[in-house]
Amino acid sequence: MAKHTIWIIDTSVFLNILDIPGYNQKRKSIISDFKIYIKMGIPSFFLIRLF
């Protein structure tokens, strides 16, 4: 059975993903990183930390 990975996403990362003006300076880099994680094919859960 494959182990699952949990990725804890900080609010600043989430704001970049949502493309919120003033909080999206690293959007291209973050989206690129997510594409890499998804292509790795590791069973994963993304947990969004809102506080």
Protein backbone atom coordinates (compact mmCIF):
# COMPACT_ATOMS: atom_id res chain seq x y z
CA MET A 1 0.00 0.00 0.00
CA ALA A 2 1.39 3.42 -0.99
CA LYS A 3 1.99 5.99 1.69
CA HIS A 4 0.20 9.28 1.35
CA THR A 5 1.91 12.62 1.68
CA ILE A 6 0.22 15.58 3.36
CA TRP A 7 1.23 18.99 2.08
CA ILE A 8 0.33 21.84 4.45
CA ILE A 9 -0.38 24.97 2.43
CA ASP A 10 0.17 28.29 4.16
CA THR A 11 -2.23 31.20 3.62
CA SER A 12 0.40 33.12 1.62
CA VAL A 13 0.72 30.20 -0.82
CA PHE A 14 -3.06 29.90 -1.09
CA LEU A 15 -3.37 33.62 -1.90
CA ASN A 16 -0.82 33.18 -4.70
CA ILE A 17 -2.82 30.26 -6.11
CA LEU A 18 -6.02 32.33 -6.00
CA ASP A 19 -4.12 35.18 -7.74
CA ILE A 20 -5.11 37.85 -5.22
CA PRO A 21 -3.65 41.24 -6.27
CA GLY A 22 -0.92 42.40 -3.89
CA TYR A 23 -0.43 38.86 -2.56
CA ASN A 24 0.53 37.03 -5.76
CA GLN A 25 4.21 37.99 -6.27
CA LYS A 26 5.36 34.33 -6.38
CA ARG A 27 2.41 32.90 -8.33
CA LYS A 28 4.37 31.55 -11.32
CA SER A 29 6.86 29.77 -9.07
CA ILE A 30 4.18 28.29 -6.82
CA ILE A 31 2.06 27.05 -9.73
CA SER A 32 5.19 25.50 -11.26
CA ASP A 33 5.98 23.72 -7.98
CA PHE A 34 2.44 22.33 -7.74
CA LYS A 35 2.67 20.97 -11.27
CA ILE A 36 5.88 19.16 -10.32
CA TYR A 37 4.28 17.64 -7.20
CA ILE A 38 1.26 16.46 -9.19
CA LYS A 39 3.43 14.91 -11.95
CA MET A 40 5.43 13.02 -9.32
CA GLY A 41 2.36 10.84 -8.88
CA ILE A 42 2.72 10.55 -5.10
CA PRO A 43 -0.66 10.01 -3.41
CA SER A 44 -1.12 13.34 -1.68
CA PHE A 45 -3.53 15.46 0.31
CA PHE A 46 -3.28 19.22 0.33
CA LEU A 47 -4.29 20.77 3.65
CA ILE A 48 -4.91 24.51 3.64
CA ARG A 49 -3.89 26.36 6.78
CA LEU A 50 -6.12 29.42 7.06
CA PHE A 51 -4.79 30.98 10.26
